[in-house]
Amino acid sequence: MDTDDLEPPLNTSGKPAGKPDLQIMSVEQLQDYIAEMETEIVRARAAIDGKQSARGVADAVFKT
């Protein structure tokens, strides 16, 4: 296997793909990007809460 396969693809600015080049984005685009990221943060926190709840239930079952 080639080690290049393990590295994330780069976009034209040399940064990892999937991360936009903030320097070329307008203020409106940056605000939209922040809103998208905040939505993703809420989603990730909800996943964490769900996993912690499930772990709490599992811990309670095995403590008895």
PDB file of N, CA and C in Angstrom:
ATOM      1  N   MET A   1       0.846  -1.178   0.000  1.00  0.00           N
ATOM      2  CA  MET A   1       0.000   0.000   0.000  1.00  0.00           C
ATOM      3  C   MET A   1       0.889   1.239   0.000  1.00  0.00           C
ATOM      4  N   ASP A   2       0.509   2.191  -0.807  1.00  0.00           N
ATOM      5  CA  ASP A   2       1.247   3.443  -0.906  1.00  0.00           C
ATOM      6  C   ASP A   2       0.865   4.360   0.250  1.00  0.00           C
ATOM      7  N   THR A   3       1.852   4.984   0.909  1.00  0.00           N
ATOM      8  CA  THR A   3       1.556   5.859   2.043  1.00  0.00           C
ATOM      9  C   THR A   3       0.795   7.115   1.619  1.00  0.00           C
ATOM     10  N   ASP A   4       0.842   7.471   0.351  1.00  0.00           N
ATOM     11  CA  ASP A   4       0.065   8.610  -0.131  1.00  0.00           C
ATOM     12  C   ASP A   4      -1.430   8.370   0.031  1.00  0.00           C
ATOM     13  N   ASP A   5      -1.820   7.104   0.042  1.00  0.00           N
ATOM     14  CA  ASP A   5      -3.239   6.766   0.219  1.00  0.00           C
ATOM     15  C   ASP A   5      -3.716   7.105   1.622  1.00  0.00           C
ATOM     16  N   LEU A   6      -2.811   7.217   2.577  1.00  0.00           N
ATOM     17  CA  LEU A   6      -3.177   7.478   3.959  1.00  0.00           C
ATOM     18  C   LEU A   6      -3.335   8.959   4.257  1.00  0.00           C
ATOM     19  N   GLU A   7      -2.793   9.811   3.416  1.00  0.00           N
ATOM     20  CA  GLU A   7      -2.850  11.248   3.643  1.00  0.00           C
ATOM     21  C   GLU A   7      -4.114  11.822   3.009  1.00  0.00           C
ATOM     22  N   PRO A   8      -4.752  12.788   3.697  1.00  0.00           N
ATOM     23  CA  PRO A   8      -5.955  13.374   3.126  1.00  0.00           C
ATOM     24  C   PRO A   8      -5.630  14.133   1.843  1.00  0.00           C
ATOM     25  N   PRO A   9      -6.545  14.111   0.879  1.00  0.00           N
ATOM     26  CA  PRO A   9      -6.296  14.851  -0.356  1.00  0.00           C
ATOM     27  C   PRO A   9      -6.223  16.351  -0.070  1.00  0.00           C
ATOM     28  N   LEU A  10      -5.406  17.044  -0.822  1.00  0.00           N
ATOM     29  CA  LEU A  10      -5.243  18.480  -0.638  1.00  0.00           C
ATOM     30  C   LEU A  10      -6.029  19.238  -1.699  1.00  0.00           C
ATOM     31  N   ASN A  11      -6.537  20.420  -1.323  1.00  0.00           N
ATOM     32  CA  ASN A  11      -7.196  21.250  -2.320  1.00  0.00           C
ATOM     33  C   ASN A  11      -6.144  22.114  -3.002  1.00  0.00           C
ATOM     34  N   THR A  12      -6.555  23.047  -3.833  1.00  0.00           N
ATOM     35  CA  THR A  12      -5.606  23.834  -4.625  1.00  0.00           C
ATOM     36  C   THR A  12      -4.716  24.721  -3.764  1.00  0.00           C
ATOM     37  N   SER A  13      -5.138  25.060  -2.538  1.00  0.00           N
ATOM     38  CA  SER A  13      -4.315  25.908  -1.678  1.00  0.00           C
ATOM     39  C   SER A  13      -3.301  25.089  -0.878  1.00  0.00           C
ATOM     40  N   GLY A  14      -3.325  23.771  -1.034  1.00  0.00           N
ATOM     41  CA  GLY A  14      -2.403  22.929  -0.291  1.00  0.00           C
ATOM     42  C   GLY A  14      -2.923  22.527   1.072  1.00  0.00           C
ATOM     43  N   LYS A  15      -4.163  22.929   1.408  1.00  0.00           N
ATOM     44  CA  LYS A  15      -4.772  22.570   2.687  1.00  0.00           C
ATOM     45  C   LYS A  15      -5.580  21.293   2.490  1.00  0.00           C
ATOM     46  N   PRO A  16      -5.818  20.533   3.576  1.00  0.00           N
ATOM     47  CA  PRO A  16      -6.618  19.311   3.432  1.00  0.00           C
ATOM     48  C   PRO A  16      -7.982  19.610   2.824  1.00  0.00           C
ATOM     49  N   ALA A  17      -8.433  18.738   1.935  1.00  0.00           N
ATOM     50  CA  ALA A  17      -9.750  18.893   1.310  1.00  0.00           C
ATOM     51  C   ALA A  17     -10.822  18.853   2.381  1.00  0.00           C
ATOM     52  N   GLY A  18     -11.890  19.575   2.180  1.00  0.00           N
ATOM     53  CA  GLY A  18     -12.975  19.611   3.148  1.00  0.00           C
ATOM     54  C   GLY A  18     -12.873  20.807   4.071  1.00  0.00           C
ATOM     55  N   LYS A  19     -11.728  21.439   4.121  1.00  0.00           N
ATOM     56  CA  LYS A  19     -11.559  22.650   4.914  1.00  0.00           C
ATOM     57  C   LYS A  19     -11.397  23.804   3.932  1.00  0.00           C
ATOM     58  N   PRO A  20     -12.363  24.703   3.914  1.00  0.00           N
ATOM     59  CA  PRO A  20     -12.299  25.784   2.929  1.00  0.00           C
ATOM     60  C   PRO A  20     -11.158  26.754   3.213  1.00  0.00           C
ATOM     61  N   ASP A  21     -10.705  27.403   2.178  1.00  0.00           N
ATOM     62  CA  ASP A  21      -9.684  28.439   2.303  1.00  0.00           C
ATOM     63  C   ASP A  21     -10.388  29.707   2.770  1.00  0.00           C
ATOM     64  N   LEU A  22     -10.235  30.036   4.035  1.00  0.00           N
ATOM     65  CA  LEU A  22     -10.940  31.170   4.628  1.00  0.00           C
ATOM     66  C   LEU A  22     -10.500  32.502   4.035  1.00  0.00           C
ATOM     67  N   GLN A  23      -9.309  32.555   3.495  1.00  0.00           N
ATOM     68  CA  GLN A  23      -8.785  33.807   2.957  1.00  0.00           C
ATOM     69  C   GLN A  23      -9.555  34.269   1.721  1.00  0.00           C
ATOM     70  N   ILE A  24     -10.115  33.356   0.974  1.00  0.00           N
ATOM     71  CA  ILE A  24     -10.804  33.741  -0.262  1.00  0.00           C
ATOM     72  C   ILE A  24     -12.315  33.889  -0.070  1.00  0.00           C
ATOM     73  N   MET A  25     -12.796  33.617   1.131  1.00  0.00           N
ATOM     74  CA  MET A  25     -14.240  33.680   1.398  1.00  0.00           C
ATOM     75  C   MET A  25     -14.655  35.096   1.769  1.00  0.00           C
ATOM     76  N   SER A  26     -15.855  35.486   1.329  1.00  0.00           N
ATOM     77  CA  SER A  26     -16.411  36.782   1.694  1.00  0.00           C
ATOM     78  C   SER A  26     -16.921  36.720   3.134  1.00  0.00           C
ATOM     79  N   VAL A  27     -17.253  37.883   3.673  1.00  0.00           N
ATOM     80  CA  VAL A  27     -17.783  37.946   5.038  1.00  0.00           C
ATOM     81  C   VAL A  27     -19.068  37.126   5.118  1.00  0.00           C
ATOM     82  N   GLU A  28     -19.928  37.245   4.125  1.00  0.00           N
ATOM     83  CA  GLU A  28     -21.186  36.480   4.127  1.00  0.00           C
ATOM     84  C   GLU A  28     -20.911  34.982   4.069  1.00  0.00           C
ATOM     85  N   GLN A  29     -19.970  34.577   3.252  1.00  0.00           N
ATOM     86  CA  GLN A  29     -19.613  33.161   3.170  1.00  0.00           C
ATOM     87  C   GLN A  29     -19.040  32.664   4.490  1.00  0.00           C
ATOM     88  N   LEU A  30     -18.236  33.487   5.132  1.00  0.00           N
ATOM     89  CA  LEU A  30     -17.674  33.100   6.424  1.00  0.00           C
ATOM     90  C   LEU A  30     -18.765  32.962   7.475  1.00  0.00           C
ATOM     91  N   GLN A  31     -19.747  33.869   7.464  1.00  0.00           N
ATOM     92  CA  GLN A  31     -20.855  33.782   8.410  1.00  0.00           C
ATOM     93  C   GLN A  31     -21.676  32.519   8.167  1.00  0.00           C
ATOM     94  N   ASP A  32     -21.903  32.183   6.903  1.00  0.00           N
ATOM     95  CA  ASP A  32     -22.623  30.951   6.574  1.00  0.00           C
ATOM     96  C   ASP A  32     -21.829  29.728   7.023  1.00  0.00           C
ATOM     97  N   TYR A  33     -20.527  29.774   6.826  1.00  0.00           N
ATOM     98  CA  TYR A  33     -19.662  28.670   7.233  1.00  0.00           C
ATOM     99  C   TYR A  33     -19.711  28.480   8.747  1.00  0.00           C
ATOM    100  N   ILE A  34     -19.660  29.586   9.487  1.00  0.00           N
ATOM    101  CA  ILE A  34     -19.747  29.514  10.952  1.00  0.00           C
ATOM    102  C   ILE A  34     -21.087  28.920  11.376  1.00  0.00           C
ATOM    103  N   ALA A  35     -22.174  29.336  10.732  1.00  0.00           N
ATOM    104  CA  ALA A  35     -23.499  28.800  11.062  1.00  0.00           C
ATOM    105  C   ALA A  35     -23.547  27.292  10.825  1.00  0.00           C
ATOM    106  N   GLU A  36     -22.960  26.846   9.719  1.00  0.00           N
ATOM    107  CA  GLU A  36     -22.917  25.404   9.434  1.00  0.00           C
ATOM    108  C   GLU A  36     -22.105  24.659  10.491  1.00  0.00           C
ATOM    109  N   MET A  37     -20.993  25.236  10.873  1.00  0.00           N
ATOM    110  CA  MET A  37     -20.139  24.592  11.873  1.00  0.00           C
ATOM    111  C   MET A  37     -20.833  24.563  13.240  1.00  0.00           C
ATOM    112  N   GLU A  38     -21.545  25.634  13.598  1.00  0.00           N
ATOM    113  CA  GLU A  38     -22.276  25.652  14.871  1.00  0.00           C
ATOM    114  C   GLU A  38     -23.362  24.581  14.883  1.00  0.00           C
ATOM    115  N   THR A  39     -24.020  24.395  13.743  1.00  0.00           N
ATOM    116  CA  THR A  39     -25.022  23.334  13.630  1.00  0.00           C
ATOM    117  C   THR A  39     -24.375  21.970  13.828  1.00  0.00           C
ATOM    118  N   GLU A  40     -23.200  21.784  13.261  1.00  0.00           N
ATOM    119  CA  GLU A  40     -22.489  20.517  13.398  1.00  0.00           C
ATOM    120  C   GLU A  40     -22.036  20.301  14.844  1.00  0.00           C
ATOM    121  N   ILE A  41     -21.645  21.368  15.524  1.00  0.00           N
ATOM    122  CA  ILE A  41     -21.258  21.269  16.935  1.00  0.00           C
ATOM    123  C   ILE A  41     -22.439  20.818  17.778  1.00  0.00           C
ATOM    124  N   VAL A  42     -23.614  21.381  17.521  1.00  0.00           N
ATOM    125  CA  VAL A  42     -24.826  20.975  18.250  1.00  0.00           C
ATOM    126  C   VAL A  42     -25.096  19.493  18.018  1.00  0.00           C
ATOM    127  N   ARG A  43     -24.944  19.051  16.778  1.00  0.00           N
ATOM    128  CA  ARG A  43     -25.170  17.643  16.442  1.00  0.00           C
ATOM    129  C   ARG A  43     -24.174  16.743  17.162  1.00  0.00           C
ATOM    130  N   ALA A  44     -22.907  17.160  17.211  1.00  0.00           N
ATOM    131  CA  ALA A  44     -21.879  16.366  17.891  1.00  0.00           C
ATOM    132  C   ALA A  44     -22.140  16.311  19.393  1.00  0.00           C
ATOM    133  N   ARG A  45     -22.555  17.438  19.974  1.00  0.00           N
ATOM    134  CA  ARG A  45     -22.856  17.453  21.416  1.00  0.00           C
ATOM    135  C   ARG A  45     -24.051  16.560  21.730  1.00  0.00           C
ATOM    136  N   ALA A  46     -25.032  16.522  20.847  1.00  0.00           N
ATOM    137  CA  ALA A  46     -26.183  15.638  21.051  1.00  0.00           C
ATOM    138  C   ALA A  46     -25.737  14.177  21.005  1.00  0.00           C
ATOM    139  N   ALA A  47     -24.821  13.859  20.107  1.00  0.00           N
ATOM    140  CA  ALA A  47     -24.297  12.489  20.034  1.00  0.00           C
ATOM    141  C   ALA A  47     -23.541  12.137  21.308  1.00  0.00           C
ATOM    142  N   ILE A  48     -22.765  13.076  21.825  1.00  0.00           N
ATOM    143  CA  ILE A  48     -22.034  12.853  23.078  1.00  0.00           C
ATOM    144  C   ILE A  48     -23.017  12.609  24.218  1.00  0.00           C
ATOM    145  N   ASP A  49     -24.049  13.447  24.310  1.00  0.00           N
ATOM    146  CA  ASP A  49     -25.055  13.283  25.365  1.00  0.00           C
ATOM    147  C   ASP A  49     -25.713  11.915  25.285  1.00  0.00           C
ATOM    148  N   GLY A  50     -26.053  11.491  24.072  1.00  0.00           N
ATOM    149  CA  GLY A  50     -26.671  10.180  23.900  1.00  0.00           C
ATOM    150  C   GLY A  50     -25.757   9.051  24.334  1.00  0.00           C
ATOM    151  N   LYS A  51     -24.485   9.168  23.991  1.00  0.00           N
ATOM    152  CA  LYS A  51     -23.533   8.124  24.371  1.00  0.00           C
ATOM    153  C   LYS A  51     -23.292   8.108  25.876  1.00  0.00           C
ATOM    154  N   GLN A  52     -23.244   9.294  26.485  1.00  0.00           N
ATOM    155  CA  GLN A  52     -23.054   9.346  27.929  1.00  0.00           C
ATOM    156  C   GLN A  52     -24.270   8.788  28.656  1.00  0.00           C
ATOM    157  N   SER A  53     -25.462   9.049  28.142  1.00  0.00           N
ATOM    158  CA  SER A  53     -26.679   8.497  28.749  1.00  0.00           C
ATOM    159  C   SER A  53     -26.677   6.977  28.649  1.00  0.00           C
ATOM    160  N   ALA A  54     -26.316   6.477  27.474  1.00  0.00           N
ATOM    161  CA  ALA A  54     -26.277   5.028  27.280  1.00  0.00           C
ATOM    162  C   ALA A  54     -25.235   4.401  28.200  1.00  0.00           C
ATOM    163  N   ARG A  55     -24.122   5.067  28.363  1.00  0.00           N
ATOM    164  CA  ARG A  55     -23.085   4.532  29.241  1.00  0.00           C
ATOM    165  C   ARG A  55     -23.562   4.536  30.692  1.00  0.00           C
ATOM    166  N   GLY A  56     -24.268   5.598  31.083  1.00  0.00           N
ATOM    167  CA  GLY A  56     -24.800   5.665  32.444  1.00  0.00           C
ATOM    168  C   GLY A  56     -25.776   4.523  32.724  1.00  0.00           C
ATOM    169  N   VAL A  57     -26.607   4.223  31.745  1.00  0.00           N
ATOM    170  CA  VAL A  57     -27.562   3.113  31.890  1.00  0.00           C
ATOM    171  C   VAL A  57     -26.811   1.806  31.990  1.00  0.00           C
ATOM    172  N   ALA A  58     -25.794   1.621  31.142  1.00  0.00           N
ATOM    173  CA  ALA A  58     -25.022   0.384  31.176  1.00  0.00           C
ATOM    174  C   ALA A  58     -24.272   0.254  32.506  1.00  0.00           C
ATOM    175  N   ASP A  59     -23.687   1.338  32.974  1.00  0.00           N
ATOM    176  CA  ASP A  59     -22.993   1.303  34.263  1.00  0.00           C
ATOM    177  C   ASP A  59     -23.952   0.930  35.398  1.00  0.00           C
ATOM    178  N   ALA A  60     -25.171   1.456  35.350  1.00  0.00           N
ATOM    179  CA  ALA A  60     -26.159   1.167  36.392  1.00  0.00           C
ATOM    180  C   ALA A  60     -26.541  -0.316  36.369  1.00  0.00           C
ATOM    181  N   VAL A  61     -26.651  -0.884  35.182  1.00  0.00           N
ATOM    182  CA  VAL A  61     -27.010  -2.302  35.051  1.00  0.00           C
ATOM    183  C   VAL A  61     -25.913  -3.179  35.643  1.00  0.00           C
ATOM    184  N   PHE A  62     -24.655  -2.843  35.383  1.00  0.00           N
ATOM    185  CA  PHE A  62     -23.574  -3.700  35.832  1.00  0.00           C
ATOM    186  C   PHE A  62     -23.185  -3.457  37.295  1.00  0.00           C
ATOM    187  N   LYS A  63     -23.664  -2.378  37.903  1.00  0.00           N
ATOM    188  CA  LYS A  63     -23.375  -2.129  39.318  1.00  0.00           C
ATOM    189  C   LYS A  63     -24.266  -2.966  40.226  1.00  0.00           C
ATOM    190  N   THR A  64     -25.426  -3.355  39.743  1.00  0.00           N
ATOM    191  CA  THR A  64     -26.355  -4.078  40.604  1.00  0.00           C
ATOM    192  C   THR A  64     -25.964  -5.506  40.795  1.00  0.00           C
TER     193      THR A  64
END
